[in-house]
Amino acid sequence: MSSRRKSRIIAMQLLYQIQLTDAPVQDVINRFWQNHGTPTEFRPFATMLVQNTVANREAIDAVIQATSKNWKLHRMPVVDLSILRCATYEILYCEEIDAATSINEAVEIAKTYSTPDSPKFVNGILDNIRKKASEFKRGSVQCVIT
């Protein structure tokens, strides 16, 4: 498994915890590092994804809602929503990450961590976001961690 995928999985887990606990982002991140013994190589990209996804959550949620027909955010499984938020952040804000890569990674994570129907659901929403990304673009941030 690539280090980027592992970082995305960690980001999904952190976003899940943030959604369920509504605890401060940095507290959730710090507790996660303390309790999971995560190798330091995965931390920078995962942390960047979480912090920037949370910072842009209102805009990201609006985009997900606009592209998910017949699904309100509160009805989506929290795992799927966490995956969607993270991948949507990458598609809209990280120009150096190809949208197809973000979608593929999200689908693979959904296959492992969510329901049997989730990969198709995640793929459909993210592909719609990719197709309309120019309408939703909010800006670019540096997503490469050195």
C-alpha atoms as a PDB file:
ATOM      1  CA  MET A   1       0.000   0.000   0.000  1.00  0.00           C
ATOM      2  CA  SER A   2       1.356   3.404  -0.938  1.00  0.00           C
ATOM      3  CA  SER A   3       2.150   5.930   1.756  1.00  0.00           C
ATOM      4  CA  ARG A   4      -0.348   8.338   0.200  1.00  0.00           C
ATOM      5  CA  ARG A   5      -3.133   5.747   0.448  1.00  0.00           C
ATOM      6  CA  LYS A   6      -2.243   5.017   4.064  1.00  0.00           C
ATOM      7  CA  SER A   7      -2.294   8.767   4.742  1.00  0.00           C
ATOM      8  CA  ARG A   8      -5.717   9.044   3.077  1.00  0.00           C
ATOM      9  CA  ILE A   9      -7.041   6.182   5.208  1.00  0.00           C
ATOM     10  CA  ILE A  10      -5.779   7.926   8.331  1.00  0.00           C
ATOM     11  CA  ALA A  11      -7.350  11.192   7.139  1.00  0.00           C
ATOM     12  CA  MET A  12     -10.680   9.400   6.652  1.00  0.00           C
ATOM     13  CA  GLN A  13     -10.448   7.950  10.169  1.00  0.00           C
ATOM     14  CA  LEU A  14      -9.629  11.349  11.641  1.00  0.00           C
ATOM     15  CA  LEU A  15     -12.471  13.057   9.767  1.00  0.00           C
ATOM     16  CA  TYR A  16     -14.796  10.320  11.000  1.00  0.00           C
ATOM     17  CA  GLN A  17     -13.743  10.966  14.603  1.00  0.00           C
ATOM     18  CA  ILE A  18     -14.104  14.718  14.180  1.00  0.00           C
ATOM     19  CA  GLN A  19     -17.610  14.278  12.760  1.00  0.00           C
ATOM     20  CA  LEU A  20     -18.731  11.999  15.591  1.00  0.00           C
ATOM     21  CA  THR A  21     -17.102  13.810  18.505  1.00  0.00           C
ATOM     22  CA  ASP A  22     -17.099  17.423  17.319  1.00  0.00           C
ATOM     23  CA  ALA A  23     -13.821  17.746  19.246  1.00  0.00           C
ATOM     24  CA  PRO A  24     -11.180  20.295  18.215  1.00  0.00           C
ATOM     25  CA  VAL A  25      -9.320  19.113  15.146  1.00  0.00           C
ATOM     26  CA  GLN A  26      -5.836  19.320  16.615  1.00  0.00           C
ATOM     27  CA  ASP A  27      -6.928  17.420  19.741  1.00  0.00           C
ATOM     28  CA  VAL A  28      -8.293  14.577  17.604  1.00  0.00           C
ATOM     29  CA  ILE A  29      -5.110  14.476  15.530  1.00  0.00           C
ATOM     30  CA  ASN A  30      -2.831  14.492  18.592  1.00  0.00           C
ATOM     31  CA  ARG A  31      -4.820  11.738  20.320  1.00  0.00           C
ATOM     32  CA  PHE A  32      -4.755   9.646  17.171  1.00  0.00           C
ATOM     33  CA  TRP A  33      -0.959   9.875  16.909  1.00  0.00           C
ATOM     34  CA  GLN A  34      -0.596   9.008  20.604  1.00  0.00           C
ATOM     35  CA  ASN A  35      -2.980   6.037  20.497  1.00  0.00           C
ATOM     36  CA  HIS A  36      -2.147   4.458  17.147  1.00  0.00           C
ATOM     37  CA  GLY A  37       1.624   4.560  16.875  1.00  0.00           C
ATOM     38  CA  THR A  38       1.335   5.789  13.297  1.00  0.00           C
ATOM     39  CA  PRO A  39       4.695   5.934  11.508  1.00  0.00           C
ATOM     40  CA  THR A  40       5.792   9.539  11.069  1.00  0.00           C
ATOM     41  CA  GLU A  41       5.989   9.186   7.262  1.00  0.00           C
ATOM     42  CA  PHE A  42       2.166   9.120   7.023  1.00  0.00           C
ATOM     43  CA  ARG A  43       1.514  12.057   9.326  1.00  0.00           C
ATOM     44  CA  PRO A  44       2.279  15.169   7.216  1.00  0.00           C
ATOM     45  CA  PHE A  45      -0.003  14.336   4.271  1.00  0.00           C
ATOM     46  CA  ALA A  46      -2.789  13.013   6.522  1.00  0.00           C
ATOM     47  CA  THR A  47      -2.605  16.085   8.750  1.00  0.00           C
ATOM     48  CA  MET A  48      -2.663  18.441   5.767  1.00  0.00           C
ATOM     49  CA  LEU A  49      -5.690  16.656   4.303  1.00  0.00           C
ATOM     50  CA  VAL A  50      -7.619  16.774   7.569  1.00  0.00           C
ATOM     51  CA  GLN A  51      -6.817  20.364   8.496  1.00  0.00           C
ATOM     52  CA  ASN A  52      -7.590  21.709   5.025  1.00  0.00           C
ATOM     53  CA  THR A  53     -10.694  19.576   4.569  1.00  0.00           C
ATOM     54  CA  VAL A  54     -12.074  20.832   7.880  1.00  0.00           C
ATOM     55  CA  ALA A  55     -11.088  24.426   7.078  1.00  0.00           C
ATOM     56  CA  ASN A  56     -13.020  24.213   3.790  1.00  0.00           C
ATOM     57  CA  ARG A  57     -15.800  21.919   5.012  1.00  0.00           C
ATOM     58  CA  GLU A  58     -18.657  24.326   4.370  1.00  0.00           C
ATOM     59  CA  ALA A  59     -17.694  24.760   0.703  1.00  0.00           C
ATOM     60  CA  ILE A  60     -16.888  21.051   0.325  1.00  0.00           C
ATOM     61  CA  ASP A  61     -20.232  20.030   1.818  1.00  0.00           C
ATOM     62  CA  ALA A  62     -22.059  22.430  -0.504  1.00  0.00           C
ATOM     63  CA  VAL A  63     -20.347  20.818  -3.509  1.00  0.00           C
ATOM     64  CA  ILE A  64     -21.115  17.284  -2.318  1.00  0.00           C
ATOM     65  CA  GLN A  65     -24.743  18.237  -1.660  1.00  0.00           C
ATOM     66  CA  ALA A  66     -25.068  19.876  -5.081  1.00  0.00           C
ATOM     67  CA  THR A  67     -23.823  16.752  -6.859  1.00  0.00           C
ATOM     68  CA  SER A  68     -25.510  14.020  -4.814  1.00  0.00           C
ATOM     69  CA  LYS A  69     -29.000  13.545  -6.132  1.00  0.00           C
ATOM     70  CA  ASN A  70     -31.609  12.423  -3.604  1.00  0.00           C
ATOM     71  CA  TRP A  71     -29.049  12.210  -0.781  1.00  0.00           C
ATOM     72  CA  LYS A  72     -28.809  14.717   2.029  1.00  0.00           C
ATOM     73  CA  LEU A  73     -25.488  14.820   3.856  1.00  0.00           C
ATOM     74  CA  HIS A  74     -27.062  13.781   7.164  1.00  0.00           C
ATOM     75  CA  ARG A  75     -28.350  10.574   5.512  1.00  0.00           C
ATOM     76  CA  MET A  76     -24.939   9.508   4.212  1.00  0.00           C
ATOM     77  CA  PRO A  77     -22.906   7.020   6.222  1.00  0.00           C
ATOM     78  CA  VAL A  78     -20.240   8.942   8.133  1.00  0.00           C
ATOM     79  CA  VAL A  79     -17.468   6.799   6.607  1.00  0.00           C
ATOM     80  CA  ASP A  80     -18.666   7.624   3.088  1.00  0.00           C
ATOM     81  CA  LEU A  81     -19.023  11.303   3.938  1.00  0.00           C
ATOM     82  CA  SER A  82     -15.497  11.375   5.377  1.00  0.00           C
ATOM     83  CA  ILE A  83     -14.126   9.750   2.218  1.00  0.00           C
ATOM     84  CA  LEU A  84     -16.099  12.137   0.004  1.00  0.00           C
ATOM     85  CA  ARG A  85     -14.963  15.218   1.909  1.00  0.00           C
ATOM     86  CA  CYS A  86     -11.303  14.284   1.715  1.00  0.00           C
ATOM     87  CA  ALA A  87     -11.419  13.404  -2.006  1.00  0.00           C
ATOM     88  CA  THR A  88     -13.490  16.494  -2.830  1.00  0.00           C
ATOM     89  CA  TYR A  89     -10.873  18.620  -1.108  1.00  0.00           C
ATOM     90  CA  GLU A  90      -8.175  17.024  -3.274  1.00  0.00           C
ATOM     91  CA  ILE A  91     -10.175  17.475  -6.498  1.00  0.00           C
ATOM     92  CA  LEU A  92     -11.043  21.121  -5.864  1.00  0.00           C
ATOM     93  CA  TYR A  93      -7.960  22.433  -4.115  1.00  0.00           C
ATOM     94  CA  CYS A  94      -4.950  20.272  -4.997  1.00  0.00           C
ATOM     95  CA  GLU A  95      -4.059  20.921  -8.605  1.00  0.00           C
ATOM     96  CA  GLU A  96      -0.947  18.746  -8.434  1.00  0.00           C
ATOM     97  CA  ILE A  97      -3.042  15.672  -7.591  1.00  0.00           C
ATOM     98  CA  ASP A  98      -4.882  14.262 -10.600  1.00  0.00           C
ATOM     99  CA  ALA A  99      -8.642  14.031  -9.993  1.00  0.00           C
ATOM    100  CA  ALA A 100      -8.703  10.461 -11.331  1.00  0.00           C
ATOM    101  CA  THR A 101      -6.143   9.475  -8.697  1.00  0.00           C
ATOM    102  CA  SER A 102      -8.211  11.048  -5.918  1.00  0.00           C
ATOM    103  CA  ILE A 103     -11.339   9.255  -7.131  1.00  0.00           C
ATOM    104  CA  ASN A 104      -9.592   5.900  -7.484  1.00  0.00           C
ATOM    105  CA  GLU A 105      -8.089   6.165  -4.007  1.00  0.00           C
ATOM    106  CA  ALA A 106     -11.466   7.093  -2.511  1.00  0.00           C
ATOM    107  CA  VAL A 107     -13.179   4.152  -4.213  1.00  0.00           C
ATOM    108  CA  GLU A 108     -10.500   1.734  -2.989  1.00  0.00           C
ATOM    109  CA  ILE A 109     -10.823   3.042   0.571  1.00  0.00           C
ATOM    110  CA  ALA A 110     -14.621   2.712   0.363  1.00  0.00           C
ATOM    111  CA  LYS A 111     -14.232  -0.922  -0.771  1.00  0.00           C
ATOM    112  CA  THR A 112     -12.300  -1.722   2.397  1.00  0.00           C
ATOM    113  CA  TYR A 113     -13.945   0.486   5.009  1.00  0.00           C
ATOM    114  CA  SER A 114     -17.580   0.895   4.011  1.00  0.00           C
ATOM    115  CA  THR A 115     -20.593  -0.963   2.652  1.00  0.00           C
ATOM    116  CA  PRO A 116     -20.706  -3.036  -0.562  1.00  0.00           C
ATOM    117  CA  ASP A 117     -22.690  -0.232  -2.252  1.00  0.00           C
ATOM    118  CA  SER A 118     -20.328   2.533  -1.143  1.00  0.00           C
ATOM    119  CA  PRO A 119     -17.665   2.276  -3.882  1.00  0.00           C
ATOM    120  CA  LYS A 120     -20.257   2.894  -6.607  1.00  0.00           C
ATOM    121  CA  PHE A 121     -21.876   5.701  -4.581  1.00  0.00           C
ATOM    122  CA  VAL A 122     -18.513   7.390  -3.879  1.00  0.00           C
ATOM    123  CA  ASN A 123     -17.393   7.005  -7.494  1.00  0.00           C
ATOM    124  CA  GLY A 124     -20.615   8.518  -8.848  1.00  0.00           C
ATOM    125  CA  ILE A 125     -20.519  11.598  -6.651  1.00  0.00           C
ATOM    126  CA  LEU A 126     -16.801  12.221  -7.119  1.00  0.00           C
ATOM    127  CA  ASP A 127     -17.017  11.759 -10.889  1.00  0.00           C
ATOM    128  CA  ASN A 128     -19.801  14.369 -10.984  1.00  0.00           C
ATOM    129  CA  ILE A 129     -17.620  16.700  -8.926  1.00  0.00           C
ATOM    130  CA  ARG A 130     -14.685  16.083 -11.278  1.00  0.00           C
ATOM    131  CA  LYS A 131     -16.838  16.917 -14.305  1.00  0.00           C
ATOM    132  CA  LYS A 132     -18.035  20.170 -12.716  1.00  0.00           C
ATOM    133  CA  ALA A 133     -14.814  21.027 -10.879  1.00  0.00           C
ATOM    134  CA  SER A 134     -14.246  24.237 -12.821  1.00  0.00           C
ATOM    135  CA  GLU A 135     -17.618  25.516 -11.559  1.00  0.00           C
ATOM    136  CA  PHE A 136     -16.681  24.717  -7.971  1.00  0.00           C
ATOM    137  CA  LYS A 137     -12.969  25.621  -7.890  1.00  0.00           C
ATOM    138  CA  ARG A 138     -12.113  27.639  -4.820  1.00  0.00           C
ATOM    139  CA  GLY A 139      -8.392  28.030  -5.280  1.00  0.00           C
ATOM    140  CA  SER A 140      -5.229  26.079  -5.050  1.00  0.00           C
ATOM    141  CA  VAL A 141      -3.147  25.239  -2.041  1.00  0.00           C
ATOM    142  CA  GLN A 142       0.130  23.450  -1.792  1.00  0.00           C
ATOM    143  CA  CYS A 143      -0.711  19.791  -1.180  1.00  0.00           C
ATOM    144  CA  VAL A 144       2.745  18.314  -1.592  1.00  0.00           C
ATOM    145  CA  ILE A 145       4.408  17.653   1.728  1.00  0.00           C
ATOM    146  CA  THR A 146       8.176  17.694   1.883  1.00  0.00           C
END
